Amino acid sequence: MTDPQSSAFDDADQLDALLNDAKASDTISVSSASDARDLIGNFGAETAASPWTSLERSAVAQRLAAIVSDPRQVQQGALNLCGPAAFFSQWAKRDPVAFATFATQLYDAGAAKIGSLQISPGQDLLQASYADMVPRMGGSVSPPADWMILGALRNSTDVFWQGSWEGDPGQNLAALTRPEELASWFNATGIYAKVDNQANWATAAGIPHALSLALRPGVDIALLIHANLMATSLNKPYDANWLKSQFPNHFVVLLGDVVQDVQTKNMTLSVWSWGGVKPLVVSQDDFVANYYGAVIARMPDQ
């Protein structure tokens, strides 16, 4: 006979897992990962030279296959490319064949399309030495394929005041992503029925906005925050620079509903960031000070 207390404990664990990561069970997509892996396998068997002079085909192919199998593996590492990382981690899940087609063509031709968006990185990035960048990433390395796709998107869409992102982890301003850009990337894929940009750089969005976010199958939500929102939960130091702390500096993907505990005056949420799931417990004050809204992309009928 099953121990009822044991069953209750298991149910509680499952409930906690669901609350922390509701997106794990969201399998809505418009193409298959199996077809994407076949495409990448054919790509890996080719021998043509690439405009990406420092990247080896077999290493790129192996990594791309891993990403389509688990898009949450997308890793920005020490690069300030959280916007492109948030985008690719969602697009590769929703349309793995389109993602694989883009990434393999990007390697072969040095240019490719994300739906209606032409990605054509400049020679400054195509000929940059990935090996020279790795030591500058410290202990948080972005793999070659990730460095290529994230960097190509950023390099191709930088505006004049940012400068051109050339693959260097030290280029923080050139790597920055504005919320309207992230929304435009989701729109360009052609697979989302509606994309709402409810984020901005100047004004905190507030707790009611966060509580109103409806995460359900077919909906992808990227939160715009200052990384101080994550500091306590991740045992990281706060950014004490007064001026920098007044503006957001990070995108994360929401994995479960935001919950307010009126007794503890804490906010709980779970997000994807830096290639992993991050459960967060944030004081209301820290949340209010560091949450700047969200970019919400909805698949058809959602």
C-alpha atoms as a PDB file:
ATOM      1  CA  MET A   1       0.000   0.000   0.000  1.00  0.00           C
ATOM      2  CA  THR A   2       1.262   3.468  -0.901  1.00  0.00           C
ATOM      3  CA  ASP A   3       2.128   5.721   1.991  1.00  0.00           C
ATOM      4  CA  PRO A   4      -0.346   8.667   1.699  1.00  0.00           C
ATOM      5  CA  GLN A   5       2.151  11.025   3.295  1.00  0.00           C
ATOM      6  CA  SER A   6       4.732  10.028   0.704  1.00  0.00           C
ATOM      7  CA  SER A   7       2.209  10.650  -2.105  1.00  0.00           C
ATOM      8  CA  ALA A   8       1.374  14.070  -0.702  1.00  0.00           C
ATOM      9  CA  PHE A   9       5.058  14.916  -0.569  1.00  0.00           C
ATOM     10  CA  ASP A  10       5.533  13.867  -4.192  1.00  0.00           C
ATOM     11  CA  ASP A  11       2.489  15.902  -5.242  1.00  0.00           C
ATOM     12  CA  ALA A  12       3.885  18.923  -3.410  1.00  0.00           C
ATOM     13  CA  ASP A  13       7.219  18.508  -5.172  1.00  0.00           C
ATOM     14  CA  GLN A  14       5.448  18.317  -8.533  1.00  0.00           C
ATOM     15  CA  LEU A  15       3.409  21.412  -7.708  1.00  0.00           C
ATOM     16  CA  ASP A  16       6.545  23.315  -6.714  1.00  0.00           C
ATOM     17  CA  ALA A  17       8.225  22.250  -9.958  1.00  0.00           C
ATOM     18  CA  LEU A  18       5.216  23.402 -11.970  1.00  0.00           C
ATOM     19  CA  LEU A  19       5.094  26.773 -10.231  1.00  0.00           C
ATOM     20  CA  ASN A  20       8.845  27.265 -10.675  1.00  0.00           C
ATOM     21  CA  ASP A  21       8.954  26.141 -14.295  1.00  0.00           C
ATOM     22  CA  ALA A  22       5.562  26.057 -16.007  1.00  0.00           C
ATOM     23  CA  LYS A  23       7.275  26.533 -19.373  1.00  0.00           C
ATOM     24  CA  ALA A  24       8.988  23.153 -19.120  1.00  0.00           C
ATOM     25  CA  SER A  25       5.734  21.494 -20.173  1.00  0.00           C
ATOM     26  CA  ASP A  26       5.053  23.966 -23.002  1.00  0.00           C
ATOM     27  CA  THR A  27       5.824  22.014 -26.187  1.00  0.00           C
ATOM     28  CA  ILE A  28       4.065  24.197 -28.776  1.00  0.00           C
ATOM     29  CA  SER A  29       6.210  24.506 -31.905  1.00  0.00           C
ATOM     30  CA  VAL A  30       5.842  24.912 -35.654  1.00  0.00           C
ATOM     31  CA  SER A  31       8.608  22.484 -36.671  1.00  0.00           C
ATOM     32  CA  SER A  32      10.434  19.495 -35.195  1.00  0.00           C
ATOM     33  CA  ALA A  33      13.749  19.236 -33.395  1.00  0.00           C
ATOM     34  CA  SER A  34      14.374  15.916 -35.170  1.00  0.00           C
ATOM     35  CA  ASP A  35      14.211  17.568 -38.586  1.00  0.00           C
ATOM     36  CA  ALA A  36      16.467  20.346 -37.313  1.00  0.00           C
ATOM     37  CA  ARG A  37      19.056  17.819 -36.104  1.00  0.00           C
ATOM     38  CA  ASP A  38      19.007  16.118 -39.528  1.00  0.00           C
ATOM     39  CA  LEU A  39      19.669  19.458 -41.182  1.00  0.00           C
ATOM     40  CA  ILE A  40      22.532  20.152 -38.795  1.00  0.00           C
ATOM     41  CA  GLY A  41      23.943  16.659 -39.376  1.00  0.00           C
ATOM     42  CA  ASN A  42      24.132  17.319 -43.124  1.00  0.00           C
ATOM     43  CA  PHE A  43      25.732  20.678 -42.417  1.00  0.00           C
ATOM     44  CA  GLY A  44      28.357  19.072 -40.184  1.00  0.00           C
ATOM     45  CA  ALA A  45      29.334  16.605 -42.931  1.00  0.00           C
ATOM     46  CA  GLU A  46      30.213  19.369 -45.394  1.00  0.00           C
ATOM     47  CA  THR A  47      33.767  20.582 -45.878  1.00  0.00           C
ATOM     48  CA  ALA A  48      33.488  24.072 -47.393  1.00  0.00           C
ATOM     49  CA  ALA A  49      35.364  26.932 -45.772  1.00  0.00           C
ATOM     50  CA  SER A  50      33.416  29.513 -43.777  1.00  0.00           C
ATOM     51  CA  PRO A  51      33.602  33.318 -43.633  1.00  0.00           C
ATOM     52  CA  TRP A  52      33.837  32.791 -39.854  1.00  0.00           C
ATOM     53  CA  THR A  53      37.569  32.311 -40.071  1.00  0.00           C
ATOM     54  CA  SER A  54      38.135  31.250 -36.458  1.00  0.00           C
ATOM     55  CA  LEU A  55      35.261  28.778 -36.031  1.00  0.00           C
ATOM     56  CA  GLU A  56      35.481  25.042 -36.723  1.00  0.00           C
ATOM     57  CA  ARG A  57      32.491  23.484 -38.528  1.00  0.00           C
ATOM     58  CA  SER A  58      32.321  20.315 -36.416  1.00  0.00           C
ATOM     59  CA  ALA A  59      32.295  22.248 -33.139  1.00  0.00           C
ATOM     60  CA  VAL A  60      29.578  24.578 -34.421  1.00  0.00           C
ATOM     61  CA  ALA A  61      27.480  21.633 -35.680  1.00  0.00           C
ATOM     62  CA  GLN A  62      27.768  19.755 -32.399  1.00  0.00           C
ATOM     63  CA  ARG A  63      26.715  22.783 -30.413  1.00  0.00           C
ATOM     64  CA  LEU A  64      23.793  23.648 -32.702  1.00  0.00           C
ATOM     65  CA  ALA A  65      22.489  20.082 -32.355  1.00  0.00           C
ATOM     66  CA  ALA A  66      22.633  20.449 -28.576  1.00  0.00           C
ATOM     67  CA  ILE A  67      20.722  23.742 -28.718  1.00  0.00           C
ATOM     68  CA  VAL A  68      17.848  22.402 -30.834  1.00  0.00           C
ATOM     69  CA  SER A  69      17.601  19.446 -28.433  1.00  0.00           C
ATOM     70  CA  ASP A  70      17.504  21.822 -25.465  1.00  0.00           C
ATOM     71  CA  PRO A  71      17.244  25.530 -26.375  1.00  0.00           C
ATOM     72  CA  ARG A  72      17.820  26.472 -22.754  1.00  0.00           C
ATOM     73  CA  GLN A  73      21.469  25.612 -23.321  1.00  0.00           C
ATOM     74  CA  VAL A  74      21.967  28.907 -25.174  1.00  0.00           C
ATOM     75  CA  GLN A  75      24.782  30.526 -23.240  1.00  0.00           C
ATOM     76  CA  GLN A  76      25.835  34.167 -23.357  1.00  0.00           C
ATOM     77  CA  GLY A  77      28.487  33.602 -20.705  1.00  0.00           C
ATOM     78  CA  ALA A  78      30.370  36.810 -19.959  1.00  0.00           C
ATOM     79  CA  LEU A  79      28.969  38.545 -23.043  1.00  0.00           C
ATOM     80  CA  ASN A  80      26.460  41.337 -22.459  1.00  0.00           C
ATOM     81  CA  LEU A  81      24.115  39.676 -24.974  1.00  0.00           C
ATOM     82  CA  CYS A  82      21.164  38.776 -22.754  1.00  0.00           C
ATOM     83  CA  GLY A  83      18.694  40.163 -25.310  1.00  0.00           C
ATOM     84  CA  PRO A  84      19.832  37.898 -28.157  1.00  0.00           C
ATOM     85  CA  ALA A  85      20.109  34.987 -25.686  1.00  0.00           C
ATOM     86  CA  ALA A  86      16.514  35.474 -24.513  1.00  0.00           C
ATOM     87  CA  PHE A  87      15.380  35.623 -28.141  1.00  0.00           C
ATOM     88  CA  PHE A  88      17.238  32.562 -29.433  1.00  0.00           C
ATOM     89  CA  SER A  89      16.347  30.409 -26.415  1.00  0.00           C
ATOM     90  CA  GLN A  90      12.662  30.918 -27.298  1.00  0.00           C
ATOM     91  CA  TRP A  91      12.811  30.921 -31.108  1.00  0.00           C
ATOM     92  CA  ALA A  92      14.892  27.727 -31.236  1.00  0.00           C
ATOM     93  CA  LYS A  93      12.190  26.015 -29.171  1.00  0.00           C
ATOM     94  CA  ARG A  94       9.247  27.305 -31.202  1.00  0.00           C
ATOM     95  CA  ASP A  95      10.783  26.774 -34.662  1.00  0.00           C
ATOM     96  CA  PRO A  96      13.896  24.566 -34.463  1.00  0.00           C
ATOM     97  CA  VAL A  97      14.101  24.028 -38.243  1.00  0.00           C
ATOM     98  CA  ALA A  98      14.063  27.765 -38.968  1.00  0.00           C
ATOM     99  CA  PHE A  99      16.672  28.294 -36.248  1.00  0.00           C
ATOM    100  CA  ALA A 100      18.902  25.524 -37.631  1.00  0.00           C
ATOM    101  CA  THR A 101      18.516  26.856 -41.184  1.00  0.00           C
ATOM    102  CA  PHE A 102      19.489  30.330 -40.032  1.00  0.00           C
ATOM    103  CA  ALA A 103      22.510  29.200 -38.004  1.00  0.00           C
ATOM    104  CA  THR A 104      23.928  26.843 -40.645  1.00  0.00           C
ATOM    105  CA  GLN A 105      23.484  29.385 -43.453  1.00  0.00           C
ATOM    106  CA  LEU A 106      25.065  32.025 -41.242  1.00  0.00           C
ATOM    107  CA  TYR A 107      28.139  29.828 -40.833  1.00  0.00           C
ATOM    108  CA  ASP A 108      28.335  28.870 -44.515  1.00  0.00           C
ATOM    109  CA  ALA A 109      27.598  32.251 -46.081  1.00  0.00           C
ATOM    110  CA  GLY A 110      28.325  34.785 -43.361  1.00  0.00           C
ATOM    111  CA  ALA A 111      24.734  36.017 -43.658  1.00  0.00           C
ATOM    112  CA  ALA A 112      21.234  34.586 -43.200  1.00  0.00           C
ATOM    113  CA  LYS A 113      17.653  35.565 -42.402  1.00  0.00           C
ATOM    114  CA  ILE A 114      15.579  35.375 -39.257  1.00  0.00           C
ATOM    115  CA  GLY A 115      12.216  35.397 -40.980  1.00  0.00           C
ATOM    116  CA  SER A 116      12.006  38.853 -42.556  1.00  0.00           C
ATOM    117  CA  LEU A 117      15.134  40.158 -40.801  1.00  0.00           C
ATOM    118  CA  GLN A 118      18.392  40.058 -42.745  1.00  0.00           C
ATOM    119  CA  ILE A 119      21.412  39.287 -40.571  1.00  0.00           C
ATOM    120  CA  SER A 120      24.684  40.329 -42.227  1.00  0.00           C
ATOM    121  CA  PRO A 121      27.489  40.796 -39.697  1.00  0.00           C
ATOM    122  CA  GLY A 122      30.461  42.853 -40.773  1.00  0.00           C
ATOM    123  CA  GLN A 123      33.963  41.661 -41.459  1.00  0.00           C
ATOM    124  CA  ASP A 124      35.028  42.979 -38.054  1.00  0.00           C
ATOM    125  CA  LEU A 125      33.068  40.151 -36.436  1.00  0.00           C
ATOM    126  CA  LEU A 126      33.429  37.479 -39.132  1.00  0.00           C
ATOM    127  CA  GLN A 127      37.209  37.715 -38.937  1.00  0.00           C
ATOM    128  CA  ALA A 128      37.474  38.195 -35.172  1.00  0.00           C
ATOM    129  CA  SER A 129      39.432  35.501 -33.354  1.00  0.00           C
ATOM    130  CA  TYR A 130      37.168  33.514 -31.063  1.00  0.00           C
ATOM    131  CA  ALA A 131      40.215  31.970 -29.367  1.00  0.00           C
ATOM    132  CA  ASP A 132      41.475  35.424 -28.464  1.00  0.00           C
ATOM    133  CA  MET A 133      38.105  36.286 -26.889  1.00  0.00           C
ATOM    134  CA  VAL A 134      37.881  33.200 -24.640  1.00  0.00           C
ATOM    135  CA  PRO A 135      40.443  34.391 -22.035  1.00  0.00           C
ATOM    136  CA  ARG A 136      38.558  37.691 -21.827  1.00  0.00           C
ATOM    137  CA  MET A 137      35.396  35.797 -20.847  1.00  0.00           C
ATOM    138  CA  GLY A 138      36.998  34.575 -17.639  1.00  0.00           C
ATOM    139  CA  GLY A 139      35.218  31.570 -16.164  1.00  0.00           C
ATOM    140  CA  SER A 140      31.962  32.155 -18.057  1.00  0.00           C
ATOM    141  CA  VAL A 141      32.581  31.170 -21.663  1.00  0.00           C
ATOM    142  CA  SER A 142      30.063  31.435 -24.493  1.00  0.00           C
ATOM    143  CA  PRO A 143      30.613  28.428 -26.838  1.00  0.00           C
ATOM    144  CA  PRO A 144      31.647  29.128 -30.453  1.00  0.00           C
ATOM    145  CA  ALA A 145      28.193  28.601 -32.029  1.00  0.00           C
ATOM    146  CA  ASP A 146      26.520  30.734 -29.359  1.00  0.00           C
ATOM    147  CA  TRP A 147      29.132  33.465 -29.814  1.00  0.00           C
ATOM    148  CA  MET A 148      28.434  33.352 -33.558  1.00  0.00           C
ATOM    149  CA  ILE A 149      24.615  33.535 -33.528  1.00  0.00           C
ATOM    150  CA  LEU A 150      24.316  35.969 -30.614  1.00  0.00           C
ATOM    151  CA  GLY A 151      27.049  38.194 -31.972  1.00  0.00           C
ATOM    152  CA  ALA A 152      25.770  38.170 -35.558  1.00  0.00           C
ATOM    153  CA  LEU A 153      22.328  39.336 -34.469  1.00  0.00           C
ATOM    154  CA  ARG A 154      23.806  42.092 -32.309  1.00  0.00           C
ATOM    155  CA  ASN A 155      26.393  43.209 -34.872  1.00  0.00           C
ATOM    156  CA  SER A 156      23.787  43.402 -37.647  1.00  0.00           C
ATOM    157  CA  THR A 157      21.301  45.505 -35.708  1.00  0.00           C
ATOM    158  CA  ASP A 158      23.482  47.900 -33.681  1.00  0.00           C
ATOM    159  CA  VAL A 159      22.565  51.565 -33.991  1.00  0.00           C
ATOM    160  CA  PHE A 160      25.184  54.253 -34.607  1.00  0.00           C
ATOM    161  CA  TRP A 161      25.491  55.439 -31.003  1.00  0.00           C
ATOM    162  CA  GLN A 162      26.299  51.925 -29.753  1.00  0.00           C
ATOM    163  CA  GLY A 163      29.215  51.227 -32.025  1.00  0.00           C
ATOM    164  CA  SER A 164      29.787  47.891 -33.744  1.00  0.00           C
ATOM    165  CA  TRP A 165      29.888  44.773 -31.580  1.00  0.00           C
ATOM    166  CA  GLU A 166      33.030  42.864 -32.597  1.00  0.00           C
ATOM    167  CA  GLY A 167      32.840  39.810 -30.349  1.00  0.00           C
ATOM    168  CA  ASP A 168      34.684  41.280 -27.378  1.00  0.00           C
ATOM    169  CA  PRO A 169      33.193  40.650 -23.883  1.00  0.00           C
ATOM    170  CA  GLY A 170      34.371  44.099 -22.857  1.00  0.00           C
ATOM    171  CA  GLN A 171      32.004  45.834 -25.281  1.00  0.00           C
ATOM    172  CA  ASN A 172      29.071  46.399 -22.942  1.00  0.00           C
ATOM    173  CA  LEU A 173      27.379  49.322 -24.719  1.00  0.00           C
ATOM    174  CA  ALA A 174      27.683  47.770 -28.184  1.00  0.00           C
ATOM    175  CA  ALA A 175      26.104  44.569 -26.831  1.00  0.00           C
ATOM    176  CA  LEU A 176      23.100  46.280 -25.231  1.00  0.00           C
ATOM    177  CA  THR A 177      19.570  45.371 -26.437  1.00  0.00           C
ATOM    178  CA  ARG A 178      16.622  47.760 -26.270  1.00  0.00           C
ATOM    179  CA  PRO A 179      13.168  46.255 -25.563  1.00  0.00           C
ATOM    180  CA  GLU A 180      11.774  47.502 -28.872  1.00  0.00           C
ATOM    181  CA  GLU A 181      14.554  45.592 -30.624  1.00  0.00           C
ATOM    182  CA  LEU A 182      13.716  42.362 -28.844  1.00  0.00           C
ATOM    183  CA  ALA A 183      10.066  42.824 -29.810  1.00  0.00           C
ATOM    184  CA  SER A 184      11.072  43.424 -33.441  1.00  0.00           C
ATOM    185  CA  TRP A 185      13.132  40.200 -33.486  1.00  0.00           C
ATOM    186  CA  PHE A 186      10.179  38.152 -32.241  1.00  0.00           C
ATOM    187  CA  ASN A 187       7.961  39.818 -34.847  1.00  0.00           C
ATOM    188  CA  ALA A 188      10.442  39.128 -37.643  1.00  0.00           C
ATOM    189  CA  THR A 189      10.250  35.348 -37.142  1.00  0.00           C
ATOM    190  CA  GLY A 190       6.708  35.335 -38.503  1.00  0.00           C
ATOM    191  CA  ILE A 191       5.533  32.659 -36.057  1.00  0.00           C
ATOM    192  CA  TYR A 192       3.998  34.916 -33.412  1.00  0.00           C
ATOM    193  CA  ALA A 193       0.481  36.287 -33.790  1.00  0.00           C
ATOM    194  CA  LYS A 194       1.121  39.239 -31.468  1.00  0.00           C
ATOM    195  CA  VAL A 195       4.152  40.781 -29.792  1.00  0.00           C
ATOM    196  CA  ASP A 196       3.700  43.412 -27.069  1.00  0.00           C
ATOM    197  CA  ASN A 197       6.516  45.625 -25.857  1.00  0.00           C
ATOM    198  CA  GLN A 198       5.489  46.548 -22.306  1.00  0.00           C
ATOM    199  CA  ALA A 199       8.991  47.485 -21.165  1.00  0.00           C
ATOM    200  CA  ASN A 200      10.983  50.698 -21.135  1.00  0.00           C
ATOM    201  CA  TRP A 201      14.337  52.033 -19.958  1.00  0.00           C
ATOM    202  CA  ALA A 202      13.149  54.935 -17.862  1.00  0.00           C
ATOM    203  CA  THR A 203      10.261  53.847 -15.643  1.00  0.00           C
ATOM    204  CA  ALA A 204       9.859  50.858 -13.311  1.00  0.00           C
ATOM    205  CA  ALA A 205       6.751  48.851 -14.195  1.00  0.00           C
ATOM    206  CA  GLY A 206       5.561  47.994 -10.675  1.00  0.00           C
ATOM    207  CA  ILE A 207       4.218  44.910  -8.921  1.00  0.00           C
ATOM    208  CA  PRO A 208       0.667  45.016 -10.412  1.00  0.00           C
ATOM    209  CA  HIS A 209       2.145  44.777 -13.917  1.00  0.00           C
ATOM    210  CA  ALA A 210       4.245  41.737 -12.973  1.00  0.00           C
ATOM    211  CA  LEU A 211       1.283  40.013 -11.322  1.00  0.00           C
ATOM    212  CA  SER A 212      -0.799  40.566 -14.465  1.00  0.00           C
ATOM    213  CA  LEU A 213       1.564  38.624 -16.701  1.00  0.00           C
ATOM    214  CA  ALA A 214      -0.280  35.542 -17.954  1.00  0.00           C
ATOM    215  CA  LEU A 215       2.200  32.775 -18.714  1.00  0.00           C
ATOM    216  CA  ARG A 216       0.506  29.936 -20.580  1.00  0.00           C
ATOM    217  CA  PRO A 217       1.453  27.514 -23.394  1.00  0.00           C
ATOM    218  CA  GLY A 218       2.473  29.361 -26.527  1.00  0.00           C
ATOM    219  CA  VAL A 219       3.408  32.564 -24.700  1.00  0.00           C
ATOM    220  CA  ASP A 220       7.011  33.730 -24.314  1.00  0.00           C
ATOM    221  CA  ILE A 221       7.777  36.513 -21.836  1.00  0.00           C
ATOM    222  CA  ALA A 222      11.117  38.270 -21.438  1.00  0.00           C
ATOM    223  CA  LEU A 223      11.426  40.502 -18.375  1.00  0.00           C
ATOM    224  CA  LEU A 224      13.550  43.646 -18.473  1.00  0.00           C
ATOM    225  CA  ILE A 225      15.262  44.096 -15.112  1.00  0.00           C
ATOM    226  CA  HIS A 226      18.295  45.467 -13.378  1.00  0.00           C
ATOM    227  CA  ALA A 227      20.413  42.510 -12.290  1.00  0.00           C
ATOM    228  CA  ASN A 228      20.177  43.758  -8.687  1.00  0.00           C
ATOM    229  CA  LEU A 229      16.757  42.054  -8.679  1.00  0.00           C
ATOM    230  CA  MET A 230      18.591  38.706  -8.764  1.00  0.00           C
ATOM    231  CA  ALA A 231      21.463  39.566  -6.449  1.00  0.00           C
ATOM    232  CA  THR A 232      20.180  38.230  -3.123  1.00  0.00           C
ATOM    233  CA  SER A 233      18.822  34.960  -4.539  1.00  0.00           C
ATOM    234  CA  LEU A 234      22.042  34.250  -6.446  1.00  0.00           C
ATOM    235  CA  ASN A 235      24.370  35.400  -3.651  1.00  0.00           C
ATOM    236  CA  LYS A 236      25.786  38.099  -5.893  1.00  0.00           C
ATOM    237  CA  PRO A 237      26.892  41.584  -4.810  1.00  0.00           C
ATOM    238  CA  TYR A 238      24.618  44.510  -5.554  1.00  0.00           C
ATOM    239  CA  ASP A 239      25.684  47.029  -8.155  1.00  0.00           C
ATOM    240  CA  ALA A 240      26.305  49.971  -5.841  1.00  0.00           C
ATOM    241  CA  ASN A 241      26.843  52.494  -8.622  1.00  0.00           C
ATOM    242  CA  TRP A 242      23.945  54.901  -8.085  1.00  0.00           C
ATOM    243  CA  LEU A 243      23.646  56.067 -11.692  1.00  0.00           C
ATOM    244  CA  LYS A 244      23.924  52.614 -13.294  1.00  0.00           C
ATOM    245  CA  SER A 245      21.453  51.116 -10.840  1.00  0.00           C
ATOM    246  CA  GLN A 246      18.769  53.572 -12.011  1.00  0.00           C
ATOM    247  CA  PHE A 247      18.403  51.799 -15.357  1.00  0.00           C
ATOM    248  CA  PRO A 248      17.733  48.184 -16.403  1.00  0.00           C
ATOM    249  CA  ASN A 249      20.621  46.111 -17.699  1.00  0.00           C
ATOM    250  CA  HIS A 250      19.393  42.539 -18.171  1.00  0.00           C
ATOM    251  CA  PHE A 251      16.740  40.403 -19.907  1.00  0.00           C
ATOM    252  CA  VAL A 252      15.505  37.127 -18.392  1.00  0.00           C
ATOM    253  CA  VAL A 253      12.838  34.675 -19.592  1.00  0.00           C
ATOM    254  CA  LEU A 254       9.905  34.157 -17.239  1.00  0.00           C
ATOM    255  CA  LEU A 255       9.303  30.462 -16.442  1.00  0.00           C
ATOM    256  CA  GLY A 256       6.359  30.660 -14.030  1.00  0.00           C
ATOM    257  CA  ASP A 257       3.863  33.133 -12.644  1.00  0.00           C
ATOM    258  CA  VAL A 258       5.102  35.949 -10.435  1.00  0.00           C
ATOM    259  CA  VAL A 259       3.704  35.497  -6.909  1.00  0.00           C
ATOM    260  CA  GLN A 260       3.398  38.085  -4.139  1.00  0.00           C
ATOM    261  CA  ASP A 261       3.556  36.976  -0.491  1.00  0.00           C
ATOM    262  CA  VAL A 262       1.839  39.698   1.504  1.00  0.00           C
ATOM    263  CA  GLN A 263       3.009  38.221   4.826  1.00  0.00           C
ATOM    264  CA  THR A 264       6.728  38.058   4.062  1.00  0.00           C
ATOM    265  CA  LYS A 265       6.552  41.031   1.671  1.00  0.00           C
ATOM    266  CA  ASN A 266       8.521  38.992  -0.855  1.00  0.00           C
ATOM    267  CA  MET A 267       8.032  38.323  -4.557  1.00  0.00           C
ATOM    268  CA  THR A 268       8.786  34.841  -5.867  1.00  0.00           C
ATOM    269  CA  LEU A 269       9.418  33.973  -9.497  1.00  0.00           C
ATOM    270  CA  SER A 270      11.515  31.656 -11.608  1.00  0.00           C
ATOM    271  CA  VAL A 271      13.450  32.814 -14.642  1.00  0.00           C
ATOM    272  CA  TRP A 272      15.865  31.523 -17.260  1.00  0.00           C
ATOM    273  CA  SER A 273      19.132  33.422 -17.443  1.00  0.00           C
ATOM    274  CA  TRP A 274      22.772  32.650 -18.268  1.00  0.00           C
ATOM    275  CA  GLY A 275      21.817  29.205 -19.568  1.00  0.00           C
ATOM    276  CA  GLY A 276      19.962  27.981 -16.467  1.00  0.00           C
ATOM    277  CA  VAL A 277      16.840  28.107 -14.303  1.00  0.00           C
ATOM    278  CA  LYS A 278      17.039  30.693 -11.516  1.00  0.00           C
ATOM    279  CA  PRO A 279      14.373  30.542  -8.757  1.00  0.00           C
ATOM    280  CA  LEU A 280      14.209  33.980  -7.142  1.00  0.00           C
ATOM    281  CA  VAL A 281      12.887  35.323  -3.857  1.00  0.00           C
ATOM    282  CA  VAL A 282      12.959  39.117  -3.996  1.00  0.00           C
ATOM    283  CA  SER A 283      11.870  41.698  -1.447  1.00  0.00           C
ATOM    284  CA  GLN A 284       9.036  43.908  -2.661  1.00  0.00           C
ATOM    285  CA  ASP A 285      11.280  46.948  -2.435  1.00  0.00           C
ATOM    286  CA  ASP A 286      14.003  45.348  -4.558  1.00  0.00           C
ATOM    287  CA  PHE A 287      11.424  44.145  -7.057  1.00  0.00           C
ATOM    288  CA  VAL A 288       9.830  47.554  -7.463  1.00  0.00           C
ATOM    289  CA  ALA A 289      13.225  49.202  -7.872  1.00  0.00           C
ATOM    290  CA  ASN A 290      14.518  46.752 -10.479  1.00  0.00           C
ATOM    291  CA  TYR A 291      11.600  45.555 -12.648  1.00  0.00           C
ATOM    292  CA  TYR A 292      11.019  47.491 -15.883  1.00  0.00           C
ATOM    293  CA  GLY A 293       8.321  45.527 -17.660  1.00  0.00           C
ATOM    294  CA  ALA A 294       8.251  42.763 -20.245  1.00  0.00           C
ATOM    295  CA  VAL A 295       8.243  41.866 -23.921  1.00  0.00           C
ATOM    296  CA  ILE A 296       5.434  39.361 -24.538  1.00  0.00           C
ATOM    297  CA  ALA A 297       5.255  37.187 -27.670  1.00  0.00           C
ATOM    298  CA  ARG A 298       2.138  35.093 -28.286  1.00  0.00           C
ATOM    299  CA  MET A 299       1.784  32.182 -30.691  1.00  0.00           C
ATOM    300  CA  PRO A 300      -1.495  32.038 -32.687  1.00  0.00           C
ATOM    301  CA  ASP A 301      -4.655  31.342 -30.653  1.00  0.00           C
ATOM    302  CA  GLN A 302      -2.943  32.313 -27.377  1.00  0.00           C
END
